[in-house]
N, C-alpha and C. Protein backbone atom coordinates (compact mmCIF):
# COMPACT_ATOMS: atom_id res chain seq x y z
N MET A 1 27.21 29.60 6.77
CA MET A 1 27.95 29.65 5.53
C MET A 1 29.34 30.23 5.74
N SER A 2 29.44 31.27 6.56
CA SER A 2 30.75 31.87 6.78
C SER A 2 31.66 30.93 7.56
N LEU A 3 31.09 30.08 8.42
CA LEU A 3 31.92 29.13 9.15
C LEU A 3 32.52 28.09 8.20
N ASP A 4 31.75 27.74 7.17
CA ASP A 4 32.25 26.81 6.18
C ASP A 4 33.46 27.39 5.45
N LEU A 5 33.41 28.66 5.14
CA LEU A 5 34.53 29.32 4.47
C LEU A 5 35.77 29.33 5.37
N ILE A 6 35.57 29.61 6.64
CA ILE A 6 36.69 29.61 7.59
C ILE A 6 37.30 28.22 7.69
N LEU A 7 36.45 27.20 7.75
CA LEU A 7 36.94 25.82 7.83
C LEU A 7 37.74 25.44 6.59
N ARG A 8 37.24 25.81 5.43
CA ARG A 8 37.93 25.48 4.18
C ARG A 8 39.28 26.19 4.05
N VAL A 9 39.31 27.46 4.39
CA VAL A 9 40.57 28.21 4.32
C VAL A 9 41.54 27.69 5.37
N GLY A 10 41.05 27.42 6.57
CA GLY A 10 41.91 26.87 7.62
C GLY A 10 42.48 25.52 7.23
N THR A 11 41.68 24.69 6.59
CA THR A 11 42.16 23.38 6.14
C THR A 11 43.25 23.54 5.10
N LYS A 12 43.03 24.43 4.15
CA LYS A 12 44.05 24.64 3.12
C LYS A 12 45.35 25.17 3.71
N LEU A 13 45.25 25.97 4.74
CA LEU A 13 46.46 26.51 5.38
C LEU A 13 47.22 25.46 6.18
N VAL A 14 46.52 24.54 6.80
CA VAL A 14 47.16 23.59 7.69
C VAL A 14 47.66 22.32 6.98
N LEU A 15 47.16 22.02 5.79
CA LEU A 15 47.54 20.79 5.08
C LEU A 15 49.05 20.66 4.85
N PRO A 16 49.76 21.68 4.38
CA PRO A 16 51.20 21.50 4.20
C PRO A 16 51.95 21.21 5.50
N PHE A 17 51.47 21.80 6.59
CA PHE A 17 52.12 21.57 7.88
C PHE A 17 51.85 20.15 8.40
N ILE A 18 50.68 19.62 8.09
CA ILE A 18 50.39 18.23 8.47
C ILE A 18 51.32 17.29 7.72
N LEU A 19 51.48 17.52 6.42
CA LEU A 19 52.38 16.68 5.62
C LEU A 19 53.83 16.82 6.10
N LEU A 20 54.24 18.03 6.40
CA LEU A 20 55.59 18.25 6.91
C LEU A 20 55.81 17.53 8.23
N PHE A 21 54.82 17.57 9.11
CA PHE A 21 54.93 16.87 10.39
C PHE A 21 54.98 15.36 10.19
N ALA A 22 54.20 14.85 9.24
CA ALA A 22 54.23 13.41 8.95
C ALA A 22 55.62 13.00 8.46
N LEU A 23 56.22 13.81 7.61
CA LEU A 23 57.58 13.50 7.14
C LEU A 23 58.59 13.58 8.27
N TYR A 24 58.43 14.55 9.17
CA TYR A 24 59.32 14.65 10.33
C TYR A 24 59.20 13.40 11.19
N VAL A 25 57.98 12.96 11.46
CA VAL A 25 57.78 11.77 12.28
C VAL A 25 58.38 10.55 11.59
N GLN A 26 58.25 10.47 10.27
CA GLN A 26 58.80 9.34 9.53
C GLN A 26 60.33 9.31 9.61
N PHE A 27 60.95 10.43 9.34
CA PHE A 27 62.41 10.45 9.27
C PHE A 27 63.06 10.51 10.64
N HIS A 28 62.32 10.90 11.66
CA HIS A 28 62.87 10.98 13.01
C HIS A 28 62.53 9.73 13.81
N GLY A 29 61.78 8.80 13.23
CA GLY A 29 61.26 7.65 13.95
C GLY A 29 62.31 6.72 14.51
N GLU A 30 63.46 6.63 13.90
CA GLU A 30 64.47 5.71 14.42
C GLU A 30 65.29 6.33 15.55
N TYR A 31 65.16 7.63 15.73
CA TYR A 31 65.91 8.31 16.79
C TYR A 31 65.06 8.64 18.00
N GLY A 32 63.76 8.65 17.86
CA GLY A 32 62.87 9.00 18.96
C GLY A 32 61.49 8.42 18.71
N PRO A 33 60.51 8.87 19.47
CA PRO A 33 59.16 8.36 19.27
C PRO A 33 58.64 8.69 17.87
N GLY A 34 57.99 7.76 17.28
CA GLY A 34 57.44 7.96 15.95
C GLY A 34 57.89 6.87 15.01
N GLY A 35 57.63 7.05 13.77
CA GLY A 35 58.01 6.08 12.76
C GLY A 35 56.93 5.93 11.73
N GLY A 36 56.96 4.80 11.05
CA GLY A 36 56.07 4.58 9.92
C GLY A 36 54.61 4.54 10.27
N PHE A 37 54.26 3.91 11.39
CA PHE A 37 52.84 3.80 11.75
C PHE A 37 52.26 5.17 12.03
N GLN A 38 52.94 5.92 12.87
CA GLN A 38 52.44 7.24 13.23
C GLN A 38 52.40 8.17 12.02
N ALA A 39 53.43 8.13 11.19
CA ALA A 39 53.46 8.97 10.00
C ALA A 39 52.36 8.56 9.01
N GLY A 40 52.10 7.27 8.91
CA GLY A 40 51.03 6.80 8.03
C GLY A 40 49.66 7.27 8.49
N VAL A 41 49.43 7.25 9.79
CA VAL A 41 48.15 7.72 10.32
C VAL A 41 48.01 9.23 10.11
N ILE A 42 49.09 9.97 10.30
CA ILE A 42 49.04 11.42 10.09
C ILE A 42 48.77 11.73 8.62
N THR A 43 49.43 11.01 7.72
CA THR A 43 49.22 11.22 6.29
C THR A 43 47.79 10.89 5.88
N ALA A 44 47.28 9.77 6.38
CA ALA A 44 45.88 9.42 6.09
C ALA A 44 44.93 10.44 6.70
N GLY A 45 45.28 10.95 7.88
CA GLY A 45 44.46 11.97 8.51
C GLY A 45 44.36 13.23 7.67
N MET A 46 45.42 13.53 6.96
CA MET A 46 45.41 14.68 6.07
C MET A 46 44.38 14.46 4.94
N VAL A 47 44.38 13.29 4.36
CA VAL A 47 43.41 12.98 3.29
C VAL A 47 41.99 12.96 3.86
N ILE A 48 41.85 12.42 5.06
CA ILE A 48 40.52 12.37 5.69
C ILE A 48 40.02 13.78 6.00
N LEU A 49 40.90 14.66 6.44
CA LEU A 49 40.52 16.05 6.69
C LEU A 49 40.02 16.72 5.41
N VAL A 50 40.70 16.46 4.30
CA VAL A 50 40.23 17.00 3.01
C VAL A 50 38.87 16.41 2.67
N GLY A 51 38.68 15.12 2.92
CA GLY A 51 37.40 14.49 2.62
C GLY A 51 36.27 15.03 3.46
N ILE A 52 36.54 15.29 4.73
CA ILE A 52 35.50 15.83 5.60
C ILE A 52 35.18 17.28 5.23
N THR A 53 36.20 18.05 4.90
CA THR A 53 36.01 19.48 4.63
C THR A 53 35.47 19.75 3.24
N PHE A 54 36.05 19.10 2.23
CA PHE A 54 35.71 19.42 0.84
C PHE A 54 34.87 18.35 0.16
N GLY A 55 34.69 17.20 0.79
CA GLY A 55 33.90 16.14 0.20
C GLY A 55 34.77 14.99 -0.28
N LEU A 56 34.12 13.86 -0.50
CA LEU A 56 34.83 12.64 -0.89
C LEU A 56 35.53 12.78 -2.24
N LYS A 57 34.91 13.45 -3.18
CA LYS A 57 35.53 13.59 -4.51
C LYS A 57 36.85 14.34 -4.44
N ALA A 58 36.94 15.36 -3.60
CA ALA A 58 38.19 16.11 -3.45
C ALA A 58 39.28 15.22 -2.84
N ALA A 59 38.90 14.42 -1.87
CA ALA A 59 39.87 13.50 -1.26
C ALA A 59 40.34 12.46 -2.27
N GLN A 60 39.42 11.99 -3.10
CA GLN A 60 39.79 10.98 -4.08
C GLN A 60 40.60 11.56 -5.23
N ARG A 61 40.57 12.87 -5.42
CA ARG A 61 41.48 13.48 -6.39
C ARG A 61 42.90 13.50 -5.84
N ILE A 62 43.05 13.67 -4.53
CA ILE A 62 44.37 13.65 -3.91
C ILE A 62 44.91 12.24 -3.86
N ALA A 63 44.08 11.32 -3.40
CA ALA A 63 44.47 9.91 -3.27
C ALA A 63 43.40 9.06 -3.94
N PRO A 64 43.57 8.78 -5.24
CA PRO A 64 42.56 7.98 -5.95
C PRO A 64 42.42 6.59 -5.32
N PRO A 65 41.21 6.03 -5.33
CA PRO A 65 40.99 4.72 -4.73
C PRO A 65 41.90 3.63 -5.31
N SER A 66 42.20 3.69 -6.60
CA SER A 66 43.09 2.68 -7.18
C SER A 66 44.49 2.78 -6.58
N LEU A 67 44.97 4.00 -6.35
CA LEU A 67 46.27 4.17 -5.72
C LEU A 67 46.25 3.68 -4.28
N VAL A 68 45.19 4.01 -3.57
CA VAL A 68 45.07 3.61 -2.17
C VAL A 68 45.06 2.08 -2.05
N GLU A 69 44.34 1.43 -2.96
CA GLU A 69 44.26 -0.03 -2.92
C GLU A 69 45.59 -0.69 -3.27
N THR A 70 46.42 -0.05 -4.07
CA THR A 70 47.72 -0.64 -4.38
C THR A 70 48.77 -0.30 -3.32
N MET A 71 48.53 0.75 -2.55
CA MET A 71 49.49 1.11 -1.51
C MET A 71 49.60 0.03 -0.43
N ILE A 72 48.51 -0.62 -0.12
CA ILE A 72 48.50 -1.59 0.97
C ILE A 72 49.44 -2.76 0.67
N PRO A 73 49.31 -3.46 -0.45
CA PRO A 73 50.26 -4.55 -0.70
C PRO A 73 51.67 -4.07 -1.03
N ILE A 74 51.80 -2.87 -1.62
CA ILE A 74 53.15 -2.36 -1.94
C ILE A 74 53.94 -2.16 -0.65
N GLY A 75 53.30 -1.58 0.37
CA GLY A 75 53.98 -1.39 1.64
C GLY A 75 54.39 -2.69 2.29
N VAL A 76 53.52 -3.69 2.21
CA VAL A 76 53.86 -5.01 2.75
C VAL A 76 55.03 -5.62 1.99
N LEU A 77 55.04 -5.44 0.67
CA LEU A 77 56.16 -5.95 -0.13
C LEU A 77 57.47 -5.24 0.21
N ILE A 78 57.43 -3.95 0.47
CA ILE A 78 58.64 -3.24 0.87
C ILE A 78 59.15 -3.79 2.19
N PHE A 79 58.25 -3.97 3.14
CA PHE A 79 58.62 -4.51 4.45
C PHE A 79 59.19 -5.91 4.31
N ALA A 80 58.43 -6.80 3.68
CA ALA A 80 58.86 -8.19 3.55
C ALA A 80 60.09 -8.32 2.67
N GLY A 81 60.17 -7.52 1.61
CA GLY A 81 61.32 -7.57 0.72
C GLY A 81 62.60 -7.20 1.44
N THR A 82 62.52 -6.25 2.36
CA THR A 82 63.70 -5.89 3.14
C THR A 82 64.16 -7.06 3.98
N GLY A 83 63.22 -7.79 4.53
CA GLY A 83 63.58 -8.97 5.32
C GLY A 83 64.11 -10.11 4.48
N VAL A 84 63.52 -10.31 3.31
CA VAL A 84 63.94 -11.41 2.45
C VAL A 84 65.35 -11.19 1.91
N ILE A 85 65.73 -9.93 1.71
CA ILE A 85 67.09 -9.65 1.25
C ILE A 85 68.10 -10.23 2.25
N GLY A 86 67.83 -10.07 3.53
CA GLY A 86 68.70 -10.66 4.54
C GLY A 86 68.78 -12.17 4.42
N LEU A 87 67.65 -12.81 4.17
CA LEU A 87 67.64 -14.27 4.00
C LEU A 87 68.44 -14.70 2.78
N LEU A 88 68.27 -13.97 1.68
CA LEU A 88 68.99 -14.31 0.45
C LEU A 88 70.50 -14.12 0.59
N MET A 89 70.90 -13.23 1.47
CA MET A 89 72.33 -12.98 1.69
C MET A 89 72.91 -13.88 2.79
N GLY A 90 72.11 -14.85 3.26
CA GLY A 90 72.61 -15.81 4.24
C GLY A 90 72.50 -15.38 5.69
N LYS A 91 71.75 -14.35 5.95
CA LYS A 91 71.55 -13.86 7.33
C LYS A 91 70.12 -14.15 7.76
N ASN A 92 69.74 -13.64 8.91
CA ASN A 92 68.38 -13.82 9.42
C ASN A 92 67.42 -12.87 8.72
N PHE A 93 66.13 -13.21 8.82
CA PHE A 93 65.08 -12.34 8.30
C PHE A 93 65.16 -11.00 9.01
N LEU A 94 65.10 -9.91 8.26
CA LEU A 94 65.21 -8.54 8.76
C LEU A 94 66.56 -8.26 9.41
N ASP A 95 67.61 -8.93 8.98
CA ASP A 95 68.96 -8.56 9.40
C ASP A 95 69.46 -7.53 8.40
N TYR A 96 69.44 -6.27 8.81
CA TYR A 96 69.71 -5.18 7.90
C TYR A 96 71.18 -4.98 7.60
N SER A 97 72.06 -5.63 8.31
CA SER A 97 73.49 -5.35 8.15
C SER A 97 74.00 -5.69 6.75
N VAL A 98 73.27 -6.51 6.00
CA VAL A 98 73.73 -6.91 4.67
C VAL A 98 73.36 -5.89 3.58
N LEU A 99 72.65 -4.84 3.94
CA LEU A 99 72.17 -3.89 2.94
C LEU A 99 73.22 -2.88 2.51
N ALA A 100 74.36 -2.83 3.19
CA ALA A 100 75.42 -1.90 2.83
C ALA A 100 76.77 -2.51 3.22
N GLN A 101 77.85 -1.90 2.75
CA GLN A 101 79.19 -2.40 3.08
C GLN A 101 79.43 -2.36 4.58
N GLU A 102 79.11 -1.23 5.19
CA GLU A 102 79.23 -1.08 6.64
C GLU A 102 77.95 -1.58 7.30
N PRO A 103 78.04 -2.49 8.27
CA PRO A 103 76.82 -2.99 8.91
C PRO A 103 75.95 -1.88 9.53
N ALA A 104 76.59 -0.85 10.08
CA ALA A 104 75.81 0.24 10.69
C ALA A 104 75.00 0.98 9.63
N ASN A 105 75.58 1.21 8.47
CA ASN A 105 74.84 1.86 7.38
C ASN A 105 73.73 0.96 6.86
N GLY A 106 73.97 -0.33 6.82
CA GLY A 106 72.94 -1.27 6.39
C GLY A 106 71.76 -1.28 7.35
N ARG A 107 72.06 -1.23 8.64
CA ARG A 107 70.97 -1.18 9.63
C ARG A 107 70.16 0.10 9.49
N HIS A 108 70.85 1.20 9.26
CA HIS A 108 70.17 2.48 9.09
C HIS A 108 69.24 2.43 7.87
N LEU A 109 69.74 1.92 6.76
CA LEU A 109 68.93 1.80 5.54
C LEU A 109 67.77 0.82 5.74
N GLY A 110 68.04 -0.29 6.41
CA GLY A 110 66.99 -1.28 6.64
C GLY A 110 65.85 -0.75 7.48
N ILE A 111 66.18 -0.03 8.54
CA ILE A 111 65.14 0.55 9.37
C ILE A 111 64.33 1.55 8.57
N PHE A 112 65.01 2.36 7.77
CA PHE A 112 64.29 3.33 6.95
C PHE A 112 63.34 2.63 5.97
N LEU A 113 63.79 1.57 5.31
CA LEU A 113 62.94 0.86 4.35
C LEU A 113 61.74 0.21 5.03
N VAL A 114 61.96 -0.40 6.18
CA VAL A 114 60.86 -1.03 6.90
C VAL A 114 59.85 0.02 7.33
N GLU A 115 60.33 1.12 7.86
CA GLU A 115 59.42 2.19 8.29
C GLU A 115 58.68 2.80 7.10
N ALA A 116 59.34 2.91 5.95
CA ALA A 116 58.67 3.42 4.75
C ALA A 116 57.56 2.46 4.31
N GLY A 117 57.84 1.16 4.38
CA GLY A 117 56.81 0.18 4.05
C GLY A 117 55.62 0.25 4.98
N VAL A 118 55.89 0.45 6.25
CA VAL A 118 54.80 0.59 7.23
C VAL A 118 53.99 1.85 6.95
N LEU A 119 54.67 2.95 6.63
CA LEU A 119 53.96 4.21 6.32
C LEU A 119 53.03 4.00 5.14
N VAL A 120 53.51 3.39 4.08
CA VAL A 120 52.69 3.20 2.87
C VAL A 120 51.48 2.32 3.18
N THR A 121 51.70 1.23 3.91
CA THR A 121 50.59 0.32 4.21
C THR A 121 49.57 0.96 5.14
N VAL A 122 50.03 1.58 6.20
CA VAL A 122 49.10 2.18 7.17
C VAL A 122 48.33 3.33 6.54
N SER A 123 49.01 4.17 5.79
CA SER A 123 48.33 5.29 5.14
C SER A 123 47.27 4.78 4.16
N GLY A 124 47.62 3.79 3.37
CA GLY A 124 46.66 3.22 2.43
C GLY A 124 45.48 2.56 3.13
N THR A 125 45.76 1.83 4.20
CA THR A 125 44.70 1.13 4.92
C THR A 125 43.73 2.11 5.58
N MET A 126 44.26 3.12 6.25
CA MET A 126 43.40 4.10 6.91
C MET A 126 42.56 4.88 5.90
N THR A 127 43.16 5.25 4.78
CA THR A 127 42.42 5.97 3.75
C THR A 127 41.36 5.08 3.12
N ALA A 128 41.69 3.81 2.88
CA ALA A 128 40.72 2.87 2.32
C ALA A 128 39.55 2.65 3.28
N LEU A 129 39.83 2.59 4.57
CA LEU A 129 38.75 2.46 5.55
C LEU A 129 37.83 3.68 5.52
N PHE A 130 38.42 4.86 5.43
CA PHE A 130 37.62 6.08 5.34
C PHE A 130 36.74 6.05 4.09
N TYR A 131 37.33 5.71 2.96
CA TYR A 131 36.55 5.64 1.72
C TYR A 131 35.42 4.63 1.84
N ALA A 132 35.68 3.49 2.45
CA ALA A 132 34.67 2.45 2.59
C ALA A 132 33.52 2.93 3.49
N PHE A 133 33.85 3.59 4.59
CA PHE A 133 32.81 4.08 5.48
C PHE A 133 31.96 5.17 4.81
N VAL A 134 32.59 6.07 4.08
CA VAL A 134 31.85 7.13 3.42
C VAL A 134 30.97 6.57 2.32
N GLU A 135 31.50 5.64 1.53
CA GLU A 135 30.71 5.04 0.45
C GLU A 135 29.53 4.26 1.01
N ARG A 136 29.72 3.61 2.14
CA ARG A 136 28.63 2.82 2.73
C ARG A 136 27.51 3.72 3.25
N ALA A 137 27.88 4.91 3.70
CA ALA A 137 26.87 5.83 4.24
C ALA A 137 25.99 6.42 3.15
N ARG A 138 26.40 6.32 1.90
CA ARG A 138 25.61 6.91 0.80
C ARG A 138 24.42 6.08 0.44
């Protein structure tokens, strides 16, 4: 019983740092290793840690299943929408230079949007898989 208390307190202490690290990986992804996929897995891992430690209901209060199910297509739409904007502006698919007046700023924004879409999709997918596995075990 006392080990359970230590695990719960330790989880509560480490959760903000996990989220902070996920944001660091997301925003640093275009300059070094990391990006949307890694940040999405870290974010989903945070929800999974809550689910393992406090139970499925606690995890579903943080990330409700309806939100998780909508995150998957929303992320794909962000990714694809960024590419389609290039097509509509007469450039190639995922040509980010059209997103701003300066091509370099447009590329920076485009990479950020694509990585954000990947984060949303991966985080939603990993969390949905966890929910599906836990529900099936019941």
